[in-house]
Each structure stands twice: as C-alpha cells, then as structure tokens.
Amino acid sequence: KEFNVFYPGTSMRSMGLWRHVHAVEQEDCIFVHICHGNIARF
C-alpha cells in the first residue's frame, strides 16, 4: 500500500522495481494499470 495524491481510495503497487502493476481500490472494484518507476519501493 502507498499514498497517492491522484487517486481516491487505497493505492497499491506490485513489487516490480521498474515495471509494475498499480492497483487502486474504488467503490465496487479495483482499477489496475501498468506503471514504470515504483515509488513505493524506491
């Protein structure tokens, strides 16, 4: 889990250091997409 200013809800990032999956909890579902540069790890 991480704090993210752009997303309401819980924001989470997978463990990949560079390319990783970003997941954001919404009301009734989870929004996911691929990101680069995992700020939750480094």
PDB file of all heavy atoms in Angstrom:
ATOM      1  N   LYS A   1       0.841  -1.199   0.000  1.00  0.00           N
ATOM      2  CA  LYS A   1       0.000   0.000   0.000  1.00  0.00           C
ATOM      3  C   LYS A   1       0.872   1.242   0.000  1.00  0.00           C
ATOM      4  O   LYS A   1       1.973   1.248   0.523  1.00  0.00           O
ATOM      5  CB  LYS A   1      -0.930   0.005   1.208  1.00  0.00           C
ATOM      6  CG  LYS A   1      -1.982  -1.067   1.129  1.00  0.00           C
ATOM      7  CD  LYS A   1      -2.929  -0.996   2.289  1.00  0.00           C
ATOM      8  CE  LYS A   1      -3.954  -2.125   2.125  1.00  0.00           C
ATOM      9  NZ  LYS A   1      -4.914  -2.161   3.203  1.00  0.00           N
ATOM     10  N   GLU A   2       0.344   2.293  -0.603  1.00  0.00           N
ATOM     11  CA  GLU A   2       1.069   3.562  -0.682  1.00  0.00           C
ATOM     12  C   GLU A   2       0.079   4.703  -0.716  1.00  0.00           C
ATOM     13  O   GLU A   2      -1.091   4.511  -1.006  1.00  0.00           O
ATOM     14  CB  GLU A   2       1.948   3.592  -1.939  1.00  0.00           C
ATOM     15  CG  GLU A   2       1.172   3.391  -3.220  1.00  0.00           C
ATOM     16  CD  GLU A   2       1.477   4.403  -4.293  1.00  0.00           C
ATOM     17  OE1 GLU A   2       2.518   5.045  -4.240  1.00  0.00           O
ATOM     18  OE2 GLU A   2       0.644   4.554  -5.190  1.00  0.00           O
ATOM     19  N   PHE A   3       0.553   5.904  -0.444  1.00  0.00           N
ATOM     20  CA  PHE A   3      -0.266   7.107  -0.576  1.00  0.00           C
ATOM     21  C   PHE A   3      -0.115   7.634  -1.997  1.00  0.00           C
ATOM     22  O   PHE A   3       0.983   7.658  -2.540  1.00  0.00           O
ATOM     23  CB  PHE A   3       0.191   8.181   0.417  1.00  0.00           C
ATOM     24  CG  PHE A   3      -0.460   9.505   0.170  1.00  0.00           C
ATOM     25  CD1 PHE A   3      -1.771   9.727   0.552  1.00  0.00           C
ATOM     26  CD2 PHE A   3       0.224  10.520  -0.486  1.00  0.00           C
ATOM     27  CE1 PHE A   3      -2.389  10.951   0.309  1.00  0.00           C
ATOM     28  CE2 PHE A   3      -0.380  11.745  -0.736  1.00  0.00           C
ATOM     29  CZ  PHE A   3      -1.686  11.959  -0.336  1.00  0.00           C
ATOM     30  N   ASN A   4      -1.220   8.026  -2.594  1.00  0.00           N
ATOM     31  CA  ASN A   4      -1.167   8.588  -3.935  1.00  0.00           C
ATOM     32  C   ASN A   4      -2.132   9.753  -4.022  1.00  0.00           C
ATOM     33  O   ASN A   4      -3.333   9.592  -3.808  1.00  0.00           O
ATOM     34  CB  ASN A   4      -1.521   7.521  -4.978  1.00  0.00           C
ATOM     35  CG  ASN A   4      -1.172   7.949  -6.369  1.00  0.00           C
ATOM     36  OD1 ASN A   4      -1.630   8.981  -6.843  1.00  0.00           O
ATOM     37  ND2 ASN A   4      -0.356   7.157  -7.036  1.00  0.00           N
ATOM     38  N   VAL A   5      -1.620  10.924  -4.343  1.00  0.00           N
ATOM     39  CA  VAL A   5      -2.415  12.149  -4.355  1.00  0.00           C
ATOM     40  C   VAL A   5      -3.458  12.160  -5.478  1.00  0.00           C
ATOM     41  O   VAL A   5      -4.482  12.820  -5.358  1.00  0.00           O
ATOM     42  CB  VAL A   5      -1.487  13.383  -4.431  1.00  0.00           C
ATOM     43  CG1 VAL A   5      -0.813  13.486  -5.777  1.00  0.00           C
ATOM     44  CG2 VAL A   5      -2.233  14.651  -4.096  1.00  0.00           C
ATOM     45  N   PHE A   6      -3.237  11.430  -6.558  1.00  0.00           N
ATOM     46  CA  PHE A   6      -4.140  11.484  -7.707  1.00  0.00           C
ATOM     47  C   PHE A   6      -5.348  10.570  -7.583  1.00  0.00           C
ATOM     48  O   PHE A   6      -6.323  10.730  -8.302  1.00  0.00           O
ATOM     49  CB  PHE A   6      -3.400  11.138  -9.003  1.00  0.00           C
ATOM     50  CG  PHE A   6      -2.462  12.224  -9.442  1.00  0.00           C
ATOM     51  CD1 PHE A   6      -1.096  12.052  -9.344  1.00  0.00           C
ATOM     52  CD2 PHE A   6      -2.950  13.416  -9.946  1.00  0.00           C
ATOM     53  CE1 PHE A   6      -0.226  13.048  -9.751  1.00  0.00           C
ATOM     54  CE2 PHE A   6      -2.087  14.426 -10.355  1.00  0.00           C
ATOM     55  CZ  PHE A   6      -0.723  14.241 -10.253  1.00  0.00           C
ATOM     56  N   TYR A   7      -5.286   9.566  -6.719  1.00  0.00           N
ATOM     57  CA  TYR A   7      -6.352   8.575  -6.655  1.00  0.00           C
ATOM     58  C   TYR A   7      -7.058   8.595  -5.317  1.00  0.00           C
ATOM     59  O   TYR A   7      -6.418   8.452  -4.277  1.00  0.00           O
ATOM     60  CB  TYR A   7      -5.782   7.164  -6.854  1.00  0.00           C
ATOM     61  CG  TYR A   7      -5.123   6.945  -8.176  1.00  0.00           C
ATOM     62  CD1 TYR A   7      -3.739   6.918  -8.289  1.00  0.00           C
ATOM     63  CD2 TYR A   7      -5.879   6.756  -9.327  1.00  0.00           C
ATOM     64  CE1 TYR A   7      -3.124   6.708  -9.507  1.00  0.00           C
ATOM     65  CE2 TYR A   7      -5.262   6.550 -10.549  1.00  0.00           C
ATOM     66  CZ  TYR A   7      -3.896   6.522 -10.629  1.00  0.00           C
ATOM     67  OH  TYR A   7      -3.292   6.316 -11.832  1.00  0.00           O
ATOM     68  N   PRO A   8      -8.379   8.715  -5.339  1.00  0.00           N
ATOM     69  CA  PRO A   8      -9.119   8.487  -4.103  1.00  0.00           C
ATOM     70  C   PRO A   8      -9.144   6.977  -3.854  1.00  0.00           C
ATOM     71  O   PRO A   8      -9.104   6.186  -4.782  1.00  0.00           O
ATOM     72  CB  PRO A   8     -10.514   9.027  -4.420  1.00  0.00           C
ATOM     73  CG  PRO A   8     -10.627   8.960  -5.904  1.00  0.00           C
ATOM     74  CD  PRO A   8      -9.235   9.106  -6.449  1.00  0.00           C
ATOM     75  N   GLY A   9      -9.163   6.565  -2.637  1.00  0.00           N
ATOM     76  CA  GLY A   9      -9.160   5.134  -2.328  1.00  0.00           C
ATOM     77  C   GLY A   9      -7.758   4.637  -2.028  1.00  0.00           C
ATOM     78  O   GLY A   9      -6.781   5.376  -2.084  1.00  0.00           O
ATOM     79  N   THR A  10      -7.660   3.363  -1.713  1.00  0.00           N
ATOM     80  CA  THR A  10      -6.385   2.748  -1.382  1.00  0.00           C
ATOM     81  C   THR A  10      -5.581   2.488  -2.643  1.00  0.00           C
ATOM     82  O   THR A  10      -6.076   1.894  -3.598  1.00  0.00           O
ATOM     83  CB  THR A  10      -6.619   1.422  -0.629  1.00  0.00           C
ATOM     84  OG1 THR A  10      -7.379   1.693   0.546  1.00  0.00           O
ATOM     85  CG2 THR A  10      -5.306   0.769  -0.238  1.00  0.00           C
ATOM     86  N   SER A  11      -4.348   2.920  -2.653  1.00  0.00           N
ATOM     87  CA  SER A  11      -3.451   2.735  -3.800  1.00  0.00           C
ATOM     88  C   SER A  11      -2.392   1.707  -3.422  1.00  0.00           C
ATOM     89  O   SER A  11      -1.828   1.762  -2.328  1.00  0.00           O
ATOM     90  CB  SER A  11      -2.802   4.080  -4.147  1.00  0.00           C
ATOM     91  OG  SER A  11      -1.929   3.939  -5.238  1.00  0.00           O
ATOM     92  N   MET A  12      -2.124   0.760  -4.322  1.00  0.00           N
ATOM     93  CA  MET A  12      -1.160  -0.312  -4.073  1.00  0.00           C
ATOM     94  C   MET A  12      -0.311  -0.526  -5.318  1.00  0.00           C
ATOM     95  O   MET A  12      -0.782  -0.364  -6.431  1.00  0.00           O
ATOM     96  CB  MET A  12      -1.893  -1.614  -3.741  1.00  0.00           C
ATOM     97  CG  MET A  12      -2.776  -1.538  -2.517  1.00  0.00           C
ATOM     98  SD  MET A  12      -3.994  -2.851  -2.469  1.00  0.00           S
ATOM     99  CE  MET A  12      -5.316  -2.125  -3.437  1.00  0.00           C
ATOM    100  N   ARG A  13       0.932  -0.920  -5.097  1.00  0.00           N
ATOM    101  CA  ARG A  13       1.841  -1.223  -6.204  1.00  0.00           C
ATOM    102  C   ARG A  13       2.438  -2.606  -5.996  1.00  0.00           C
ATOM    103  O   ARG A  13       2.752  -2.988  -4.872  1.00  0.00           O
ATOM    104  CB  ARG A  13       2.948  -0.176  -6.294  1.00  0.00           C
ATOM    105  CG  ARG A  13       2.408   1.203  -6.666  1.00  0.00           C
ATOM    106  CD  ARG A  13       3.519   2.217  -6.812  1.00  0.00           C
ATOM    107  NE  ARG A  13       2.962   3.550  -6.976  1.00  0.00           N
ATOM    108  CZ  ARG A  13       2.669   4.115  -8.149  1.00  0.00           C
ATOM    109  NH1 ARG A  13       2.888   3.460  -9.266  1.00  0.00           N
ATOM    110  NH2 ARG A  13       2.165   5.332  -8.210  1.00  0.00           N
ATOM    111  N   SER A  14       2.589  -3.341  -7.114  1.00  0.00           N
ATOM    112  CA  SER A  14       3.226  -4.656  -7.030  1.00  0.00           C
ATOM    113  C   SER A  14       4.709  -4.467  -6.758  1.00  0.00           C
ATOM    114  O   SER A  14       5.206  -3.349  -6.651  1.00  0.00           O
ATOM    115  CB  SER A  14       2.983  -5.457  -8.318  1.00  0.00           C
ATOM    116  OG  SER A  14       3.629  -4.838  -9.416  1.00  0.00           O
ATOM    117  N   MET A  15       5.446  -5.547  -6.686  1.00  0.00           N
ATOM    118  CA  MET A  15       6.825  -5.483  -6.208  1.00  0.00           C
ATOM    119  C   MET A  15       7.873  -5.188  -7.279  1.00  0.00           C
ATOM    120  O   MET A  15       9.044  -5.036  -6.960  1.00  0.00           O
ATOM    121  CB  MET A  15       7.174  -6.785  -5.484  1.00  0.00           C
ATOM    122  CG  MET A  15       6.295  -7.022  -4.248  1.00  0.00           C
ATOM    123  SD  MET A  15       6.210  -5.605  -3.124  1.00  0.00           S
ATOM    124  CE  MET A  15       7.874  -5.565  -2.525  1.00  0.00           C
ATOM    125  N   GLY A  16       7.490  -5.092  -8.533  1.00  0.00           N
ATOM    126  CA  GLY A  16       8.462  -4.783  -9.577  1.00  0.00           C
ATOM    127  C   GLY A  16       9.114  -3.432  -9.328  1.00  0.00           C
ATOM    128  O   GLY A  16       8.428  -2.455  -9.035  1.00  0.00           O
ATOM    129  N   LEU A  17      10.427  -3.369  -9.446  1.00  0.00           N
ATOM    130  CA  LEU A  17      11.123  -2.117  -9.186  1.00  0.00           C
ATOM    131  C   LEU A  17      10.884  -1.096 -10.287  1.00  0.00           C
ATOM    132  O   LEU A  17      10.621   0.070 -10.023  1.00  0.00           O
ATOM    133  CB  LEU A  17      12.624  -2.375  -9.021  1.00  0.00           C
ATOM    134  CG  LEU A  17      13.473  -1.168  -8.616  1.00  0.00           C
ATOM    135  CD1 LEU A  17      13.028  -0.642  -7.258  1.00  0.00           C
ATOM    136  CD2 LEU A  17      14.947  -1.543  -8.582  1.00  0.00           C
ATOM    137  N   TRP A  18      10.947  -1.515 -11.540  1.00  0.00           N
ATOM    138  CA  TRP A  18      10.720  -0.591 -12.650  1.00  0.00           C
ATOM    139  C   TRP A  18       9.302  -0.750 -13.191  1.00  0.00           C
ATOM    140  O   TRP A  18       8.423   0.035 -12.912  1.00  0.00           O
ATOM    141  CB  TRP A  18      11.777  -0.783 -13.747  1.00  0.00           C
ATOM    142  CG  TRP A  18      11.563   0.156 -14.889  1.00  0.00           C
ATOM    143  CD1 TRP A  18      11.171  -0.181 -16.158  1.00  0.00           C
ATOM    144  CD2 TRP A  18      11.664   1.583 -14.874  1.00  0.00           C
ATOM    145  NE1 TRP A  18      11.041   0.955 -16.921  1.00  0.00           N
ATOM    146  CE2 TRP A  18      11.341   2.047 -16.156  1.00  0.00           C
ATOM    147  CE3 TRP A  18      12.000   2.511 -13.899  1.00  0.00           C
ATOM    148  CZ2 TRP A  18      11.337   3.395 -16.502  1.00  0.00           C
ATOM    149  CZ3 TRP A  18      11.998   3.851 -14.236  1.00  0.00           C
ATOM    150  CH2 TRP A  18      11.673   4.283 -15.518  1.00  0.00           C
ATOM    151  N   ARG A  19       9.061  -1.802 -13.950  1.00  0.00           N
ATOM    152  CA  ARG A  19       7.713  -2.052 -14.492  1.00  0.00           C
ATOM    153  C   ARG A  19       6.919  -2.798 -13.426  1.00  0.00           C
ATOM    154  O   ARG A  19       7.371  -3.802 -12.898  1.00  0.00           O
ATOM    155  CB  ARG A  19       7.820  -2.890 -15.762  1.00  0.00           C
ATOM    156  CG  ARG A  19       6.504  -3.108 -16.458  1.00  0.00           C
ATOM    157  CD  ARG A  19       6.737  -3.876 -17.775  1.00  0.00           C
ATOM    158  NE  ARG A  19       5.500  -4.128 -18.468  1.00  0.00           N
ATOM    159  CZ  ARG A  19       4.724  -5.180 -18.241  1.00  0.00           C
ATOM    160  NH1 ARG A  19       5.073  -6.080 -17.350  1.00  0.00           N
ATOM    161  NH2 ARG A  19       3.601  -5.339 -18.916  1.00  0.00           N
ATOM    162  N   HIS A  20       5.730  -2.292 -13.117  1.00  0.00           N
ATOM    163  CA  HIS A  20       4.929  -2.889 -12.061  1.00  0.00           C
ATOM    164  C   HIS A  20       3.451  -2.617 -12.312  1.00  0.00           C
ATOM    165  O   HIS A  20       3.090  -1.818 -13.172  1.00  0.00           O
ATOM    166  CB  HIS A  20       5.354  -2.333 -10.694  1.00  0.00           C
ATOM    167  CG  HIS A  20       5.139  -0.856 -10.575  1.00  0.00           C
ATOM    168  ND1 HIS A  20       6.000   0.066 -11.131  1.00  0.00           N
ATOM    169  CD2 HIS A  20       4.156  -0.143  -9.985  1.00  0.00           C
ATOM    170  CE1 HIS A  20       5.554   1.280 -10.880  1.00  0.00           C
ATOM    171  NE2 HIS A  20       4.434   1.184 -10.184  1.00  0.00           N
ATOM    172  N   VAL A  21       2.609  -3.300 -11.552  1.00  0.00           N
ATOM    173  CA  VAL A  21       1.161  -3.105 -11.644  1.00  0.00           C
ATOM    174  C   VAL A  21       0.743  -2.163 -10.526  1.00  0.00           C
ATOM    175  O   VAL A  21       1.126  -2.337  -9.370  1.00  0.00           O
ATOM    176  CB  VAL A  21       0.406  -4.443 -11.523  1.00  0.00           C
ATOM    177  CG1 VAL A  21      -1.098  -4.223 -11.616  1.00  0.00           C
ATOM    178  CG2 VAL A  21       0.872  -5.430 -12.594  1.00  0.00           C
ATOM    179  N   HIS A  22      -0.033  -1.160 -10.898  1.00  0.00           N
ATOM    180  CA  HIS A  22      -0.580  -0.197  -9.928  1.00  0.00           C
ATOM    181  C   HIS A  22      -2.067  -0.503  -9.796  1.00  0.00           C
ATOM    182  O   HIS A  22      -2.776  -0.574 -10.797  1.00  0.00           O
ATOM    183  CB  HIS A  22      -0.356   1.224 -10.443  1.00  0.00           C
ATOM    184  CG  HIS A  22      -0.756   2.277  -9.473  1.00  0.00           C
ATOM    185  ND1 HIS A  22      -0.823   3.597  -9.832  1.00  0.00           N
ATOM    186  CD2 HIS A  22      -1.108   2.240  -8.166  1.00  0.00           C
ATOM    187  CE1 HIS A  22      -1.196   4.322  -8.796  1.00  0.00           C
ATOM    188  NE2 HIS A  22      -1.373   3.505  -7.775  1.00  0.00           N
ATOM    189  N   ALA A  23      -2.521  -0.710  -8.574  1.00  0.00           N
ATOM    190  CA  ALA A  23      -3.922  -1.033  -8.302  1.00  0.00           C
ATOM    191  C   ALA A  23      -4.509   0.006  -7.359  1.00  0.00           C
ATOM    192  O   ALA A  23      -3.859   0.405  -6.390  1.00  0.00           O
ATOM    193  CB  ALA A  23      -4.025  -2.425  -7.678  1.00  0.00           C
ATOM    194  N   VAL A  24      -5.728   0.430  -7.657  1.00  0.00           N
ATOM    195  CA  VAL A  24      -6.406   1.434  -6.836  1.00  0.00           C
ATOM    196  C   VAL A  24      -7.792   0.913  -6.501  1.00  0.00           C
ATOM    197  O   VAL A  24      -8.568   0.557  -7.392  1.00  0.00           O
ATOM    198  CB  VAL A  24      -6.517   2.785  -7.576  1.00  0.00           C
ATOM    199  CG1 VAL A  24      -7.239   3.799  -6.707  1.00  0.00           C
ATOM    200  CG2 VAL A  24      -5.147   3.288  -7.986  1.00  0.00           C
ATOM    201  N   GLU A  25      -8.087   0.885  -5.203  1.00  0.00           N
ATOM    202  CA  GLU A  25      -9.400   0.436  -4.758  1.00  0.00           C
ATOM    203  C   GLU A  25     -10.427   1.523  -5.034  1.00  0.00           C
ATOM    204  O   GLU A  25     -10.222   2.690  -4.685  1.00  0.00           O
ATOM    205  CB  GLU A  25      -9.356   0.110  -3.269  1.00  0.00           C
ATOM    206  CG  GLU A  25     -10.638  -0.468  -2.746  1.00  0.00           C
ATOM    207  CD  GLU A  25     -10.519  -0.870  -1.287  1.00  0.00           C
ATOM    208  OE1 GLU A  25      -9.439  -0.705  -0.701  1.00  0.00           O
ATOM    209  OE2 GLU A  25     -11.531  -1.331  -0.753  1.00  0.00           O
ATOM    210  N   GLN A  26     -11.506   1.134  -5.687  1.00  0.00           N
ATOM    211  CA  GLN A  26     -12.623   2.045  -5.913  1.00  0.00           C
ATOM    212  C   GLN A  26     -13.840   1.483  -5.187  1.00  0.00           C
ATOM    213  O   GLN A  26     -13.716   0.522  -4.437  1.00  0.00           O
ATOM    214  CB  GLN A  26     -12.851   2.228  -7.413  1.00  0.00           C
ATOM    215  CG  GLN A  26     -11.663   2.915  -8.072  1.00  0.00           C
ATOM    216  CD  GLN A  26     -11.861   3.173  -9.559  1.00  0.00           C
ATOM    217  OE1 GLN A  26     -12.668   2.546 -10.227  1.00  0.00           O
ATOM    218  NE2 GLN A  26     -11.096   4.115 -10.081  1.00  0.00           N
ATOM    219  N   GLU A  27     -14.999   2.056  -5.400  1.00  0.00           N
ATOM    220  CA  GLU A  27     -16.183   1.663  -4.630  1.00  0.00           C
ATOM    221  C   GLU A  27     -16.458   0.167  -4.679  1.00  0.00           C
ATOM    222  O   GLU A  27     -16.533  -0.489  -3.663  1.00  0.00           O
ATOM    223  CB  GLU A  27     -17.403   2.440  -5.113  1.00  0.00           C
ATOM    224  CG  GLU A  27     -17.334   3.905  -4.777  1.00  0.00           C
ATOM    225  CD  GLU A  27     -18.506   4.680  -5.337  1.00  0.00           C
ATOM    226  OE1 GLU A  27     -19.452   4.048  -5.847  1.00  0.00           O
ATOM    227  OE2 GLU A  27     -18.471   5.909  -5.261  1.00  0.00           O
ATOM    228  N   ASP A  28     -16.633  -0.365  -5.875  1.00  0.00           N
ATOM    229  CA  ASP A  28     -17.042  -1.762  -6.004  1.00  0.00           C
ATOM    230  C   ASP A  28     -16.071  -2.600  -6.830  1.00  0.00           C
ATOM    231  O   ASP A  28     -16.385  -3.713  -7.214  1.00  0.00           O
ATOM    232  CB  ASP A  28     -18.439  -1.841  -6.616  1.00  0.00           C
ATOM    233  CG  ASP A  28     -18.503  -1.200  -8.001  1.00  0.00           C
ATOM    234  OD1 ASP A  28     -17.568  -0.456  -8.352  1.00  0.00           O
ATOM    235  OD2 ASP A  28     -19.479  -1.448  -8.718  1.00  0.00           O
ATOM    236  N   CYS A  29     -14.904  -2.036  -7.118  1.00  0.00           N
ATOM    237  CA  CYS A  29     -13.955  -2.743  -7.969  1.00  0.00           C
ATOM    238  C   CYS A  29     -12.542  -2.224  -7.711  1.00  0.00           C
ATOM    239  O   CYS A  29     -12.329  -1.341  -6.903  1.00  0.00           O
ATOM    240  CB  CYS A  29     -14.329  -2.569  -9.438  1.00  0.00           C
ATOM    241  SG  CYS A  29     -14.387  -0.850  -9.971  1.00  0.00           S
ATOM    242  N   ILE A  30     -11.591  -2.819  -8.420  1.00  0.00           N
ATOM    243  CA  ILE A  30     -10.190  -2.398  -8.354  1.00  0.00           C
ATOM    244  C   ILE A  30      -9.773  -1.959  -9.752  1.00  0.00           C
ATOM    245  O   ILE A  30     -10.015  -2.660 -10.736  1.00  0.00           O
ATOM    246  CB  ILE A  30      -9.277  -3.554  -7.883  1.00  0.00           C
ATOM    247  CG1 ILE A  30      -9.737  -4.119  -6.537  1.00  0.00           C
ATOM    248  CG2 ILE A  30      -7.826  -3.106  -7.839  1.00  0.00           C
ATOM    249  CD1 ILE A  30      -9.514  -3.213  -5.358  1.00  0.00           C
ATOM    250  N   PHE A  31      -9.167  -0.792  -9.838  1.00  0.00           N
ATOM    251  CA  PHE A  31      -8.664  -0.228 -11.092  1.00  0.00           C
ATOM    252  C   PHE A  31      -7.179  -0.553 -11.166  1.00  0.00           C
ATOM    253  O   PHE A  31      -6.433  -0.268 -10.228  1.00  0.00           O
ATOM    254  CB  PHE A  31      -8.922   1.280 -11.075  1.00  0.00           C
ATOM    255  CG  PHE A  31      -8.130   2.080 -12.057  1.00  0.00           C
ATOM    256  CD1 PHE A  31      -8.289   1.894 -13.413  1.00  0.00           C
ATOM    257  CD2 PHE A  31      -7.219   3.032 -11.620  1.00  0.00           C
ATOM    258  CE1 PHE A  31      -7.564   2.649 -14.320  1.00  0.00           C
ATOM    259  CE2 PHE A  31      -6.491   3.792 -12.510  1.00  0.00           C
ATOM    260  CZ  PHE A  31      -6.671   3.594 -13.869  1.00  0.00           C
ATOM    261  N   VAL A  32      -6.725  -1.205 -12.256  1.00  0.00           N
ATOM    262  CA  VAL A  32      -5.312  -1.583 -12.390  1.00  0.00           C
ATOM    263  C   VAL A  32      -4.750  -1.116 -13.725  1.00  0.00           C
ATOM    264  O   VAL A  32      -5.476  -1.009 -14.719  1.00  0.00           O
ATOM    265  CB  VAL A  32      -5.097  -3.108 -12.235  1.00  0.00           C
ATOM    266  CG1 VAL A  32      -5.449  -3.580 -10.846  1.00  0.00           C
ATOM    267  CG2 VAL A  32      -5.866  -3.895 -13.271  1.00  0.00           C
ATOM    268  N   HIS A  33      -3.459  -0.830 -13.720  1.00  0.00           N
ATOM    269  CA  HIS A  33      -2.743  -0.483 -14.940  1.00  0.00           C
ATOM    270  C   HIS A  33      -1.247  -0.697 -14.706  1.00  0.00           C
ATOM    271  O   HIS A  33      -0.812  -0.859 -13.570  1.00  0.00           O
ATOM    272  CB  HIS A  33      -3.034   0.964 -15.370  1.00  0.00           C
ATOM    273  CG  HIS A  33      -2.647   1.987 -14.358  1.00  0.00           C
ATOM    274  ND1 HIS A  33      -3.457   2.323 -13.299  1.00  0.00           N
ATOM    275  CD2 HIS A  33      -1.537   2.740 -14.232  1.00  0.00           C
ATOM    276  CE1 HIS A  33      -2.854   3.248 -12.558  1.00  0.00           C
ATOM    277  NE2 HIS A  33      -1.676   3.516 -13.103  1.00  0.00           N
ATOM    278  N   ILE A  34      -0.489  -0.705 -15.771  1.00  0.00           N
ATOM    279  CA  ILE A  34       0.958  -0.884 -15.699  1.00  0.00           C
ATOM    280  C   ILE A  34       1.612   0.494 -15.545  1.00  0.00           C
ATOM    281  O   ILE A  34       1.232   1.444 -16.222  1.00  0.00           O
ATOM    282  CB  ILE A  34       1.501  -1.563 -16.977  1.00  0.00           C
ATOM    283  CG1 ILE A  34       0.907  -2.958 -17.142  1.00  0.00           C
ATOM    284  CG2 ILE A  34       3.023  -1.603 -16.978  1.00  0.00           C
ATOM    285  CD1 ILE A  34       1.385  -3.971 -16.143  1.00  0.00           C
ATOM    286  N   CYS A  35       2.575   0.580 -14.635  1.00  0.00           N
ATOM    287  CA  CYS A  35       3.343   1.814 -14.424  1.00  0.00           C
ATOM    288  C   CYS A  35       4.829   1.518 -14.524  1.00  0.00           C
ATOM    289  O   CYS A  35       5.238   0.363 -14.515  1.00  0.00           O
ATOM    290  CB  CYS A  35       3.068   2.385 -13.030  1.00  0.00           C
ATOM    291  SG  CYS A  35       1.624   3.425 -12.912  1.00  0.00           S
ATOM    292  N   HIS A  36       5.604   2.574 -14.567  1.00  0.00           N
ATOM    293  CA  HIS A  36       7.062   2.467 -14.611  1.00  0.00           C
ATOM    294  C   HIS A  36       7.663   3.331 -13.511  1.00  0.00           C
ATOM    295  O   HIS A  36       7.236   4.466 -13.319  1.00  0.00           O
ATOM    296  CB  HIS A  36       7.581   2.907 -15.978  1.00  0.00           C
ATOM    297  CG  HIS A  36       7.026   2.078 -17.073  1.00  0.00           C
ATOM    298  ND1 HIS A  36       5.809   2.363 -17.663  1.00  0.00           N
ATOM    299  CD2 HIS A  36       7.483   0.948 -17.662  1.00  0.00           C
ATOM    300  CE1 HIS A  36       5.555   1.450 -18.580  1.00  0.00           C
ATOM    301  NE2 HIS A  36       6.555   0.586 -18.603  1.00  0.00           N
ATOM    302  N   GLY A  37       8.645   2.788 -12.813  1.00  0.00           N
ATOM    303  CA  GLY A  37       9.267   3.515 -11.706  1.00  0.00           C
ATOM    304  C   GLY A  37       8.468   3.355 -10.434  1.00  0.00           C
ATOM    305  O   GLY A  37       7.592   4.166 -10.155  1.00  0.00           O
ATOM    306  N   ASN A  38       8.720   2.314  -9.670  1.00  0.00           N
ATOM    307  CA  ASN A  38       7.932   2.007  -8.480  1.00  0.00           C
ATOM    308  C   ASN A  38       8.369   2.870  -7.302  1.00  0.00           C
ATOM    309  O   ASN A  38       9.315   2.560  -6.589  1.00  0.00           O
ATOM    310  CB  ASN A  38       8.063   0.518  -8.143  1.00  0.00           C
ATOM    311  CG  ASN A  38       7.015   0.076  -7.154  1.00  0.00           C
ATOM    312  OD1 ASN A  38       6.454   0.885  -6.422  1.00  0.00           O
ATOM    313  ND2 ASN A  38       6.747  -1.215  -7.127  1.00  0.00           N
ATOM    314  N   ILE A  39       7.628   3.941  -7.074  1.00  0.00           N
ATOM    315  CA  ILE A  39       7.947   4.876  -5.997  1.00  0.00           C
ATOM    316  C   ILE A  39       7.696   4.277  -4.613  1.00  0.00           C
ATOM    317  O   ILE A  39       8.253   4.756  -3.633  1.00  0.00           O
ATOM    318  CB  ILE A  39       7.181   6.207  -6.161  1.00  0.00           C
ATOM    319  CG1 ILE A  39       5.678   5.980  -6.211  1.00  0.00           C
ATOM    320  CG2 ILE A  39       7.658   6.924  -7.401  1.00  0.00           C
ATOM    321  CD1 ILE A  39       4.856   7.231  -6.343  1.00  0.00           C
ATOM    322  N   ALA A  40       6.898   3.226  -4.539  1.00  0.00           N
ATOM    323  CA  ALA A  40       6.661   2.568  -3.249  1.00  0.00           C
ATOM    324  C   ALA A  40       7.881   1.762  -2.815  1.00  0.00           C
ATOM    325  O   ALA A  40       8.069   1.517  -1.627  1.00  0.00           O
ATOM    326  CB  ALA A  40       5.440   1.662  -3.334  1.00  0.00           C
ATOM    327  N   ARG A  41       8.726   1.378  -3.747  1.00  0.00           N
ATOM    328  CA  ARG A  41       9.925   0.603  -3.421  1.00  0.00           C
ATOM    329  C   ARG A  41      11.177   1.457  -3.336  1.00  0.00           C
ATOM    330  O   ARG A  41      12.082   1.150  -2.573  1.00  0.00           O
ATOM    331  CB  ARG A  41      10.138  -0.498  -4.459  1.00  0.00           C
ATOM    332  CG  ARG A  41       9.058  -1.548  -4.373  1.00  0.00           C
ATOM    333  CD  ARG A  41       9.442  -2.930  -4.773  1.00  0.00           C
ATOM    334  NE  ARG A  41      10.759  -3.362  -4.367  1.00  0.00           N
ATOM    335  CZ  ARG A  41      11.534  -4.109  -5.123  1.00  0.00           C
ATOM    336  NH1 ARG A  41      11.134  -4.492  -6.307  1.00  0.00           N
ATOM    337  NH2 ARG A  41      12.713  -4.483  -4.694  1.00  0.00           N
ATOM    338  N   PHE A  42      11.242   2.529  -4.136  1.00  0.00           N
ATOM    339  CA  PHE A  42      12.442   3.374  -4.164  1.00  0.00           C
ATOM    340  C   PHE A  42      12.000   4.758  -4.629  1.00  0.00           C
ATOM    341  O   PHE A  42      11.786   4.980  -5.820  1.00  0.00           O
ATOM    342  CB  PHE A  42      13.476   2.753  -5.116  1.00  0.00           C
ATOM    343  CG  PHE A  42      14.809   3.430  -5.127  1.00  0.00           C
ATOM    344  CD1 PHE A  42      15.564   3.567  -3.969  1.00  0.00           C
ATOM    345  CD2 PHE A  42      15.320   3.927  -6.312  1.00  0.00           C
ATOM    346  CE1 PHE A  42      16.805   4.187  -3.991  1.00  0.00           C
ATOM    347  CE2 PHE A  42      16.568   4.546  -6.356  1.00  0.00           C
ATOM    348  CZ  PHE A  42      17.305   4.678  -5.194  1.00  0.00           C
TER     349      PHE A  42
END
